[in-house]
């Protein structure tokens, strides 16, 4: 199965919208193109990539205009192009690949981390420390491959047309040693450097804030350029990354992220605190 990218999601939403506007059920539409209800459902939910010819056949059946059909066919072709993450597919589970594919297309990323530095801001040495302390026993080669993957994910932040990245982390993440002292000092300096970029905001939730709504675990919220693309939330569980897209879950996650921004120090105060922590090591 191909990763559920933002483009695939957008195409699936369009297919469902046009089918419903045409007043056709999944069964009737599928029968008209000699397919099955389950296959068409997978197309609409972006669980299976739909080929351009099928998109053309479906939208023609739904009575969609020529220009919209052409745009959807182009989107179907674009959605089938492999992303850079494909070469790492063998390393990761399907849910993590789905998240990386969505993250790669996001124009806005908000990430809260209670226990570690946000992955997009981790240094190579810090990543190595995280991987070696993870739930799986990894060889040195496995660790290095995951380091390269993490660094590749970070490239968008400093590339052309980078996403807006709001990083919120608990102070506890900076007090917990990961790797040796040199790795921690390098990580703190890197956080300060990245916080100076115009597209990146780093906020720290101090320990004195006490128990807060994010204490239970990490949270990501992804936003996309196309207004037809709904936001996506993701939480980290012991079983891996879990992508959430149900309206109720999204409302809850959005409220939690808003709360975390209010209990966190301002970006300027967070930088001052980072400097204090670095000097105190």
C-alpha atoms as a PDB file:
ATOM      1  CA  UNK A   1       0.000   0.000   0.000  1.00  0.00           C
ATOM      2  CA  UNK A   2       1.257   3.463  -0.854  1.00  0.00           C
ATOM      3  CA  UNK A   3       1.616   6.141   1.852  1.00  0.00           C
ATOM      4  CA  UNK A   4      -1.474   8.237   2.489  1.00  0.00           C
ATOM      5  CA  UNK A   5      -0.120  11.570   1.265  1.00  0.00           C
ATOM      6  CA  UNK A   6      -1.964  14.883   1.393  1.00  0.00           C
ATOM      7  CA  UNK A   7      -2.426  14.677  -2.385  1.00  0.00           C
ATOM      8  CA  UNK A   8      -3.996  11.224  -2.126  1.00  0.00           C
ATOM      9  CA  UNK A   9      -6.287  12.427   0.672  1.00  0.00           C
ATOM     10  CA  UNK A  10      -7.334  15.465  -1.386  1.00  0.00           C
ATOM     11  CA  UNK A  11      -8.136  13.251  -4.370  1.00  0.00           C
ATOM     12  CA  UNK A  12     -10.138  10.833  -2.220  1.00  0.00           C
ATOM     13  CA  UNK A  13     -12.163  13.680  -0.725  1.00  0.00           C
ATOM     14  CA  UNK A  14     -12.918  15.003  -4.236  1.00  0.00           C
ATOM     15  CA  UNK A  15     -14.027  11.578  -5.458  1.00  0.00           C
ATOM     16  CA  UNK A  16     -16.381  11.154  -2.533  1.00  0.00           C
ATOM     17  CA  UNK A  17     -17.747  14.714  -2.860  1.00  0.00           C
ATOM     18  CA  UNK A  18     -18.522  14.310  -6.579  1.00  0.00           C
ATOM     19  CA  UNK A  19     -20.081  10.863  -6.086  1.00  0.00           C
ATOM     20  CA  UNK A  20     -22.373  12.146  -3.368  1.00  0.00           C
ATOM     21  CA  UNK A  21     -23.243  15.241  -5.456  1.00  0.00           C
ATOM     22  CA  UNK A  22     -24.232  12.873  -8.282  1.00  0.00           C
ATOM     23  CA  UNK A  23     -26.493  10.986  -5.876  1.00  0.00           C
ATOM     24  CA  UNK A  24     -24.731   7.646  -6.356  1.00  0.00           C
ATOM     25  CA  UNK A  25     -23.986   5.055  -3.710  1.00  0.00           C
ATOM     26  CA  UNK A  26     -20.623   3.307  -3.512  1.00  0.00           C
ATOM     27  CA  UNK A  27     -22.235   0.139  -4.838  1.00  0.00           C
ATOM     28  CA  UNK A  28     -23.802   1.792  -7.893  1.00  0.00           C
ATOM     29  CA  UNK A  29     -20.692   3.813  -8.775  1.00  0.00           C
ATOM     30  CA  UNK A  30     -18.415   0.801  -8.399  1.00  0.00           C
ATOM     31  CA  UNK A  31     -20.701  -1.346 -10.547  1.00  0.00           C
ATOM     32  CA  UNK A  32     -20.659   1.276 -13.329  1.00  0.00           C
ATOM     33  CA  UNK A  33     -16.866   1.030 -13.650  1.00  0.00           C
ATOM     34  CA  UNK A  34     -16.746  -2.754 -13.088  1.00  0.00           C
ATOM     35  CA  UNK A  35     -15.174  -2.395  -9.659  1.00  0.00           C
ATOM     36  CA  UNK A  36     -16.250  -3.217  -6.108  1.00  0.00           C
ATOM     37  CA  UNK A  37     -17.665  -1.191  -3.254  1.00  0.00           C
ATOM     38  CA  UNK A  38     -14.651  -1.934  -1.040  1.00  0.00           C
ATOM     39  CA  UNK A  39     -12.173  -0.851  -3.734  1.00  0.00           C
ATOM     40  CA  UNK A  40     -13.992   2.430  -4.346  1.00  0.00           C
ATOM     41  CA  UNK A  41     -14.172   3.031  -0.595  1.00  0.00           C
ATOM     42  CA  UNK A  42     -10.402   2.544  -0.354  1.00  0.00           C
ATOM     43  CA  UNK A  43      -9.912   5.105  -3.141  1.00  0.00           C
ATOM     44  CA  UNK A  44     -12.066   7.655  -1.336  1.00  0.00           C
ATOM     45  CA  UNK A  45     -10.274   7.065   1.970  1.00  0.00           C
ATOM     46  CA  UNK A  46      -6.831   7.234   0.293  1.00  0.00           C
ATOM     47  CA  UNK A  47      -6.034   3.723   1.477  1.00  0.00           C
ATOM     48  CA  UNK A  48      -5.277   2.687  -2.102  1.00  0.00           C
ATOM     49  CA  UNK A  49      -3.919   4.934  -4.840  1.00  0.00           C
ATOM     50  CA  UNK A  50      -6.325   5.288  -7.745  1.00  0.00           C
ATOM     51  CA  UNK A  51      -4.906   5.335 -11.266  1.00  0.00           C
ATOM     52  CA  UNK A  52      -5.588   8.342 -13.536  1.00  0.00           C
ATOM     53  CA  UNK A  53      -7.781   6.343 -15.947  1.00  0.00           C
ATOM     54  CA  UNK A  54     -10.078   5.292 -13.119  1.00  0.00           C
ATOM     55  CA  UNK A  55     -10.290   8.897 -11.888  1.00  0.00           C
ATOM     56  CA  UNK A  56     -11.321   9.994 -15.379  1.00  0.00           C
ATOM     57  CA  UNK A  57     -13.937   7.229 -15.617  1.00  0.00           C
ATOM     58  CA  UNK A  58     -15.419   8.013 -12.193  1.00  0.00           C
ATOM     59  CA  UNK A  59     -15.598  11.779 -12.649  1.00  0.00           C
ATOM     60  CA  UNK A  60     -17.074  11.387 -16.133  1.00  0.00           C
ATOM     61  CA  UNK A  61     -19.708   9.102 -14.605  1.00  0.00           C
ATOM     62  CA  UNK A  62     -20.408  11.776 -11.985  1.00  0.00           C
ATOM     63  CA  UNK A  63     -20.924  14.443 -14.663  1.00  0.00           C
ATOM     64  CA  UNK A  64     -17.930  16.561 -13.623  1.00  0.00           C
ATOM     65  CA  UNK A  65     -16.739  19.304 -15.997  1.00  0.00           C
ATOM     66  CA  UNK A  66     -13.762  18.804 -18.310  1.00  0.00           C
ATOM     67  CA  UNK A  67     -11.442  21.200 -16.488  1.00  0.00           C
ATOM     68  CA  UNK A  68     -12.089  19.589 -13.090  1.00  0.00           C
ATOM     69  CA  UNK A  69     -11.571  16.133 -14.567  1.00  0.00           C
ATOM     70  CA  UNK A  70      -8.226  17.205 -16.041  1.00  0.00           C
ATOM     71  CA  UNK A  71      -7.117  18.695 -12.718  1.00  0.00           C
ATOM     72  CA  UNK A  72      -8.088  15.536 -10.813  1.00  0.00           C
ATOM     73  CA  UNK A  73      -6.297  13.307 -13.335  1.00  0.00           C
ATOM     74  CA  UNK A  74      -3.164  15.452 -12.948  1.00  0.00           C
ATOM     75  CA  UNK A  75      -3.476  15.135  -9.172  1.00  0.00           C
ATOM     76  CA  UNK A  76      -3.790  11.362  -9.476  1.00  0.00           C
ATOM     77  CA  UNK A  77      -0.585  11.253 -11.533  1.00  0.00           C
ATOM     78  CA  UNK A  78       1.198  13.489  -9.017  1.00  0.00           C
ATOM     79  CA  UNK A  79       0.027  11.395  -6.061  1.00  0.00           C
ATOM     80  CA  UNK A  80       1.648   8.305  -7.590  1.00  0.00           C
ATOM     81  CA  UNK A  81       5.117   9.851  -7.718  1.00  0.00           C
ATOM     82  CA  UNK A  82       7.351   8.292  -5.043  1.00  0.00           C
ATOM     83  CA  UNK A  83       8.530  10.596  -2.254  1.00  0.00           C
ATOM     84  CA  UNK A  84      12.056  10.732  -0.847  1.00  0.00           C
ATOM     85  CA  UNK A  85      10.939   8.609   2.125  1.00  0.00           C
ATOM     86  CA  UNK A  86      10.296   5.557  -0.058  1.00  0.00           C
ATOM     87  CA  UNK A  87      13.929   4.486   0.235  1.00  0.00           C
ATOM     88  CA  UNK A  88      13.415   4.205   4.016  1.00  0.00           C
ATOM     89  CA  UNK A  89      10.167   2.205   3.860  1.00  0.00           C
ATOM     90  CA  UNK A  90      11.856  -1.002   4.970  1.00  0.00           C
ATOM     91  CA  UNK A  91      12.919   0.678   8.223  1.00  0.00           C
ATOM     92  CA  UNK A  92       9.547   1.815   9.460  1.00  0.00           C
ATOM     93  CA  UNK A  93       6.002   0.644  10.076  1.00  0.00           C
ATOM     94  CA  UNK A  94       3.160   1.745   7.801  1.00  0.00           C
ATOM     95  CA  UNK A  95       1.726   4.305  10.239  1.00  0.00           C
ATOM     96  CA  UNK A  96       5.050   6.089  10.598  1.00  0.00           C
ATOM     97  CA  UNK A  97       5.527   6.180   6.818  1.00  0.00           C
ATOM     98  CA  UNK A  98       2.024   7.632   6.437  1.00  0.00           C
ATOM     99  CA  UNK A  99       2.886  10.359   8.928  1.00  0.00           C
ATOM    100  CA  UNK A 100       6.203  11.202   7.238  1.00  0.00           C
ATOM    101  CA  UNK A 101       4.455  11.425   3.866  1.00  0.00           C
ATOM    102  CA  UNK A 102       1.912  13.879   5.292  1.00  0.00           C
ATOM    103  CA  UNK A 103       4.555  15.867   7.153  1.00  0.00           C
ATOM    104  CA  UNK A 104       6.529  16.258   3.917  1.00  0.00           C
ATOM    105  CA  UNK A 105       3.599  18.134   2.345  1.00  0.00           C
ATOM    106  CA  UNK A 106       2.513  20.177   5.365  1.00  0.00           C
ATOM    107  CA  UNK A 107       2.834  23.968   5.248  1.00  0.00           C
ATOM    108  CA  UNK A 108       2.325  24.287   8.998  1.00  0.00           C
ATOM    109  CA  UNK A 109       3.651  21.909  11.668  1.00  0.00           C
ATOM    110  CA  UNK A 110       3.023  22.192  15.401  1.00  0.00           C
ATOM    111  CA  UNK A 111       4.735  19.666  17.677  1.00  0.00           C
ATOM    112  CA  UNK A 112       4.695  19.245  21.441  1.00  0.00           C
ATOM    113  CA  UNK A 113       7.140  16.877  23.107  1.00  0.00           C
ATOM    114  CA  UNK A 114       7.141  16.147  26.853  1.00  0.00           C
ATOM    115  CA  UNK A 115      10.214  13.919  27.108  1.00  0.00           C
ATOM    116  CA  UNK A 116      12.583  14.607  24.211  1.00  0.00           C
ATOM    117  CA  UNK A 117      13.575  17.431  21.900  1.00  0.00           C
ATOM    118  CA  UNK A 118      11.196  17.580  18.885  1.00  0.00           C
ATOM    119  CA  UNK A 119      12.490  15.261  16.173  1.00  0.00           C
ATOM    120  CA  UNK A 120      12.758  17.980  13.521  1.00  0.00           C
ATOM    121  CA  UNK A 121      15.148  19.875  15.806  1.00  0.00           C
ATOM    122  CA  UNK A 122      17.313  16.982  16.973  1.00  0.00           C
ATOM    123  CA  UNK A 123      21.030  16.834  16.202  1.00  0.00           C
ATOM    124  CA  UNK A 124      22.598  13.669  14.821  1.00  0.00           C
ATOM    125  CA  UNK A 125      24.259  12.829  18.166  1.00  0.00           C
ATOM    126  CA  UNK A 126      20.986  13.364  20.010  1.00  0.00           C
ATOM    127  CA  UNK A 127      19.143  11.106  17.542  1.00  0.00           C
ATOM    128  CA  UNK A 128      21.744   8.404  18.152  1.00  0.00           C
ATOM    129  CA  UNK A 129      21.128   8.665  21.891  1.00  0.00           C
ATOM    130  CA  UNK A 130      17.373   8.422  21.404  1.00  0.00           C
ATOM    131  CA  UNK A 131      17.639   5.412  19.077  1.00  0.00           C
ATOM    132  CA  UNK A 132      19.989   3.540  21.405  1.00  0.00           C
ATOM    133  CA  UNK A 133      17.629   4.124  24.310  1.00  0.00           C
ATOM    134  CA  UNK A 134      14.523   3.116  22.379  1.00  0.00           C
ATOM    135  CA  UNK A 135      12.335   0.015  22.808  1.00  0.00           C
ATOM    136  CA  UNK A 136      14.195  -1.986  20.144  1.00  0.00           C
ATOM    137  CA  UNK A 137      17.746  -3.293  20.123  1.00  0.00           C
ATOM    138  CA  UNK A 138      19.333  -1.779  17.034  1.00  0.00           C
ATOM    139  CA  UNK A 139      22.659  -2.452  15.385  1.00  0.00           C
ATOM    140  CA  UNK A 140      25.019   0.442  14.728  1.00  0.00           C
ATOM    141  CA  UNK A 141      23.999   0.326  11.066  1.00  0.00           C
ATOM    142  CA  UNK A 142      20.292   0.443  11.964  1.00  0.00           C
ATOM    143  CA  UNK A 143      20.924   3.440  14.203  1.00  0.00           C
ATOM    144  CA  UNK A 144      22.810   5.310  11.480  1.00  0.00           C
ATOM    145  CA  UNK A 145      20.075   4.654   8.912  1.00  0.00           C
ATOM    146  CA  UNK A 146      17.516   6.140  11.289  1.00  0.00           C
ATOM    147  CA  UNK A 147      19.783   9.116  11.908  1.00  0.00           C
ATOM    148  CA  UNK A 148      19.944   9.772   8.156  1.00  0.00           C
ATOM    149  CA  UNK A 149      16.160   9.468   7.903  1.00  0.00           C
ATOM    150  CA  UNK A 150      15.646  12.007  10.711  1.00  0.00           C
ATOM    151  CA  UNK A 151      18.113  14.436   9.141  1.00  0.00           C
ATOM    152  CA  UNK A 152      16.427  14.066   5.738  1.00  0.00           C
ATOM    153  CA  UNK A 153      13.086  14.948   7.346  1.00  0.00           C
ATOM    154  CA  UNK A 154      14.664  18.100   8.764  1.00  0.00           C
ATOM    155  CA  UNK A 155      15.885  19.450   5.419  1.00  0.00           C
ATOM    156  CA  UNK A 156      12.550  21.089   4.601  1.00  0.00           C
ATOM    157  CA  UNK A 157      12.924  23.466   7.544  1.00  0.00           C
ATOM    158  CA  UNK A 158      15.891  25.205   5.945  1.00  0.00           C
ATOM    159  CA  UNK A 159      15.077  24.612   2.271  1.00  0.00           C
ATOM    160  CA  UNK A 160      13.082  26.591  -0.244  1.00  0.00           C
ATOM    161  CA  UNK A 161       9.530  27.471   0.822  1.00  0.00           C
ATOM    162  CA  UNK A 162       9.883  25.884   4.274  1.00  0.00           C
ATOM    163  CA  UNK A 163       6.883  25.101   6.487  1.00  0.00           C
ATOM    164  CA  UNK A 164       6.030  27.145   9.552  1.00  0.00           C
ATOM    165  CA  UNK A 165       7.178  25.052  12.511  1.00  0.00           C
ATOM    166  CA  UNK A 166       5.967  25.691  16.053  1.00  0.00           C
ATOM    167  CA  UNK A 167       7.877  23.533  18.530  1.00  0.00           C
ATOM    168  CA  UNK A 168       6.781  23.294  22.159  1.00  0.00           C
ATOM    169  CA  UNK A 169       8.717  21.169  24.587  1.00  0.00           C
ATOM    170  CA  UNK A 170       8.657  20.510  28.284  1.00  0.00           C
ATOM    171  CA  UNK A 171      11.658  21.672  30.295  1.00  0.00           C
ATOM    172  CA  UNK A 172      12.002  18.088  31.521  1.00  0.00           C
ATOM    173  CA  UNK A 173      13.125  17.113  28.021  1.00  0.00           C
ATOM    174  CA  UNK A 174      16.166  19.365  28.352  1.00  0.00           C
ATOM    175  CA  UNK A 175      17.087  18.166  31.840  1.00  0.00           C
ATOM    176  CA  UNK A 176      17.046  14.506  30.839  1.00  0.00           C
ATOM    177  CA  UNK A 177      20.481  13.454  29.482  1.00  0.00           C
ATOM    178  CA  UNK A 178      20.402  11.876  26.030  1.00  0.00           C
ATOM    179  CA  UNK A 179      23.814  10.760  24.875  1.00  0.00           C
ATOM    180  CA  UNK A 180      26.871  12.243  26.551  1.00  0.00           C
ATOM    181  CA  UNK A 181      27.386  15.791  27.840  1.00  0.00           C
ATOM    182  CA  UNK A 182      28.813  16.949  24.534  1.00  0.00           C
ATOM    183  CA  UNK A 183      25.690  15.727  22.727  1.00  0.00           C
ATOM    184  CA  UNK A 184      23.419  17.610  25.143  1.00  0.00           C
ATOM    185  CA  UNK A 185      25.393  20.843  24.825  1.00  0.00           C
ATOM    186  CA  UNK A 186      25.374  20.531  21.038  1.00  0.00           C
ATOM    187  CA  UNK A 187      21.629  19.912  21.119  1.00  0.00           C
ATOM    188  CA  UNK A 188      20.939  23.004  23.221  1.00  0.00           C
ATOM    189  CA  UNK A 189      23.078  25.177  20.960  1.00  0.00           C
ATOM    190  CA  UNK A 190      21.252  23.792  17.920  1.00  0.00           C
ATOM    191  CA  UNK A 191      17.872  24.585  19.474  1.00  0.00           C
ATOM    192  CA  UNK A 192      18.959  28.177  20.010  1.00  0.00           C
ATOM    193  CA  UNK A 193      20.248  28.460  16.448  1.00  0.00           C
ATOM    194  CA  UNK A 194      17.081  27.000  14.904  1.00  0.00           C
ATOM    195  CA  UNK A 195      14.857  29.239  17.033  1.00  0.00           C
ATOM    196  CA  UNK A 196      16.358  32.233  15.256  1.00  0.00           C
ATOM    197  CA  UNK A 197      14.988  31.158  11.861  1.00  0.00           C
ATOM    198  CA  UNK A 198      11.916  33.147  10.762  1.00  0.00           C
ATOM    199  CA  UNK A 199       9.791  30.042  10.135  1.00  0.00           C
ATOM    200  CA  UNK A 200      10.583  28.353  13.464  1.00  0.00           C
ATOM    201  CA  UNK A 201       9.229  29.147  16.915  1.00  0.00           C
ATOM    202  CA  UNK A 202      10.510  27.324  19.992  1.00  0.00           C
ATOM    203  CA  UNK A 203       8.596  27.545  23.258  1.00  0.00           C
ATOM    204  CA  UNK A 204       9.475  25.934  26.569  1.00  0.00           C
ATOM    205  CA  UNK A 205       6.993  24.816  29.223  1.00  0.00           C
ATOM    206  CA  UNK A 206       8.798  25.295  32.555  1.00  0.00           C
ATOM    207  CA  UNK A 207       8.584  22.705  35.303  1.00  0.00           C
ATOM    208  CA  UNK A 208       6.934  25.291  37.551  1.00  0.00           C
ATOM    209  CA  UNK A 209       3.903  25.127  35.245  1.00  0.00           C
ATOM    210  CA  UNK A 210       3.118  21.833  36.979  1.00  0.00           C
ATOM    211  CA  UNK A 211       0.902  19.163  35.459  1.00  0.00           C
ATOM    212  CA  UNK A 212      -0.622  20.281  32.157  1.00  0.00           C
ATOM    213  CA  UNK A 213      -2.718  18.799  29.381  1.00  0.00           C
ATOM    214  CA  UNK A 214       0.275  17.697  27.345  1.00  0.00           C
ATOM    215  CA  UNK A 215       1.977  15.740  30.120  1.00  0.00           C
ATOM    216  CA  UNK A 216       0.577  12.448  28.838  1.00  0.00           C
ATOM    217  CA  UNK A 217       2.386  12.394  25.507  1.00  0.00           C
ATOM    218  CA  UNK A 218       3.599  13.975  22.292  1.00  0.00           C
ATOM    219  CA  UNK A 219       1.309  15.668  19.800  1.00  0.00           C
ATOM    220  CA  UNK A 220       1.644  16.804  16.172  1.00  0.00           C
ATOM    221  CA  UNK A 221      -0.778  18.922  14.185  1.00  0.00           C
ATOM    222  CA  UNK A 222      -0.232  19.320  10.440  1.00  0.00           C
ATOM    223  CA  UNK A 223      -1.816  21.980   8.220  1.00  0.00           C
ATOM    224  CA  UNK A 224      -1.785  22.073   4.418  1.00  0.00           C
ATOM    225  CA  UNK A 225      -1.852  24.768   1.748  1.00  0.00           C
ATOM    226  CA  UNK A 226      -5.007  23.590   0.005  1.00  0.00           C
ATOM    227  CA  UNK A 227      -8.133  24.657   1.931  1.00  0.00           C
ATOM    228  CA  UNK A 228      -9.741  21.361   0.878  1.00  0.00           C
ATOM    229  CA  UNK A 229      -7.180  19.486   2.953  1.00  0.00           C
ATOM    230  CA  UNK A 230      -8.328  19.138   6.589  1.00  0.00           C
ATOM    231  CA  UNK A 231      -5.722  19.312   9.318  1.00  0.00           C
ATOM    232  CA  UNK A 232      -4.200  16.113  10.624  1.00  0.00           C
ATOM    233  CA  UNK A 233      -3.214  15.290  14.182  1.00  0.00           C
ATOM    234  CA  UNK A 234      -0.847  12.575  15.310  1.00  0.00           C
ATOM    235  CA  UNK A 235       0.022  11.166  18.709  1.00  0.00           C
ATOM    236  CA  UNK A 236       2.878   8.913  19.729  1.00  0.00           C
ATOM    237  CA  UNK A 237       1.939   5.649  21.419  1.00  0.00           C
ATOM    238  CA  UNK A 238       3.943   2.651  22.590  1.00  0.00           C
ATOM    239  CA  UNK A 239       2.778   0.988  19.356  1.00  0.00           C
ATOM    240  CA  UNK A 240       4.094   3.838  17.185  1.00  0.00           C
ATOM    241  CA  UNK A 241       2.702   6.916  15.477  1.00  0.00           C
ATOM    242  CA  UNK A 242      -1.093   7.152  15.309  1.00  0.00           C
ATOM    243  CA  UNK A 243      -2.631   9.542  12.762  1.00  0.00           C
ATOM    244  CA  UNK A 244      -5.989  11.069  13.732  1.00  0.00           C
ATOM    245  CA  UNK A 245      -8.388  12.676  11.272  1.00  0.00           C
ATOM    246  CA  UNK A 246     -11.837  12.390  12.857  1.00  0.00           C
ATOM    247  CA  UNK A 247     -13.413  15.806  13.571  1.00  0.00           C
ATOM    248  CA  UNK A 248     -13.876  15.107  17.292  1.00  0.00           C
ATOM    249  CA  UNK A 249     -10.269  13.987  17.739  1.00  0.00           C
ATOM    250  CA  UNK A 250      -9.016  16.999  15.775  1.00  0.00           C
ATOM    251  CA  UNK A 251     -10.995  19.421  17.953  1.00  0.00           C
ATOM    252  CA  UNK A 252      -9.561  17.841  21.100  1.00  0.00           C
ATOM    253  CA  UNK A 253      -5.988  17.915  19.777  1.00  0.00           C
ATOM    254  CA  UNK A 254      -6.323  21.525  18.604  1.00  0.00           C
ATOM    255  CA  UNK A 255      -7.593  22.604  22.030  1.00  0.00           C
ATOM    256  CA  UNK A 256      -4.726  20.807  23.742  1.00  0.00           C
ATOM    257  CA  UNK A 257      -2.161  22.514  21.489  1.00  0.00           C
ATOM    258  CA  UNK A 258      -3.747  25.906  22.167  1.00  0.00           C
ATOM    259  CA  UNK A 259      -3.563  25.206  25.905  1.00  0.00           C
ATOM    260  CA  UNK A 260       0.108  24.236  25.647  1.00  0.00           C
ATOM    261  CA  UNK A 261       0.910  27.534  23.916  1.00  0.00           C
ATOM    262  CA  UNK A 262      -0.680  29.424  26.813  1.00  0.00           C
ATOM    263  CA  UNK A 263       1.255  27.610  29.560  1.00  0.00           C
ATOM    264  CA  UNK A 264       4.557  27.808  27.656  1.00  0.00           C
ATOM    265  CA  UNK A 265       6.988  30.696  27.990  1.00  0.00           C
ATOM    266  CA  UNK A 266       7.049  33.218  25.149  1.00  0.00           C
ATOM    267  CA  UNK A 267       9.579  32.537  22.372  1.00  0.00           C
ATOM    268  CA  UNK A 268      11.896  35.259  23.743  1.00  0.00           C
ATOM    269  CA  UNK A 269      11.639  34.005  27.330  1.00  0.00           C
ATOM    270  CA  UNK A 270      12.148  30.450  26.079  1.00  0.00           C
ATOM    271  CA  UNK A 271      15.415  31.460  24.390  1.00  0.00           C
ATOM    272  CA  UNK A 272      16.567  33.103  27.635  1.00  0.00           C
ATOM    273  CA  UNK A 273      15.765  29.918  29.535  1.00  0.00           C
ATOM    274  CA  UNK A 274      17.614  27.803  26.962  1.00  0.00           C
ATOM    275  CA  UNK A 275      20.683  29.990  27.441  1.00  0.00           C
ATOM    276  CA  UNK A 276      20.450  29.556  31.243  1.00  0.00           C
ATOM    277  CA  UNK A 277      20.170  25.777  30.902  1.00  0.00           C
ATOM    278  CA  UNK A 278      23.154  25.679  28.531  1.00  0.00           C
ATOM    279  CA  UNK A 279      25.289  27.828  30.815  1.00  0.00           C
ATOM    280  CA  UNK A 280      24.314  25.719  33.808  1.00  0.00           C
ATOM    281  CA  UNK A 281      25.499  22.445  32.321  1.00  0.00           C
END
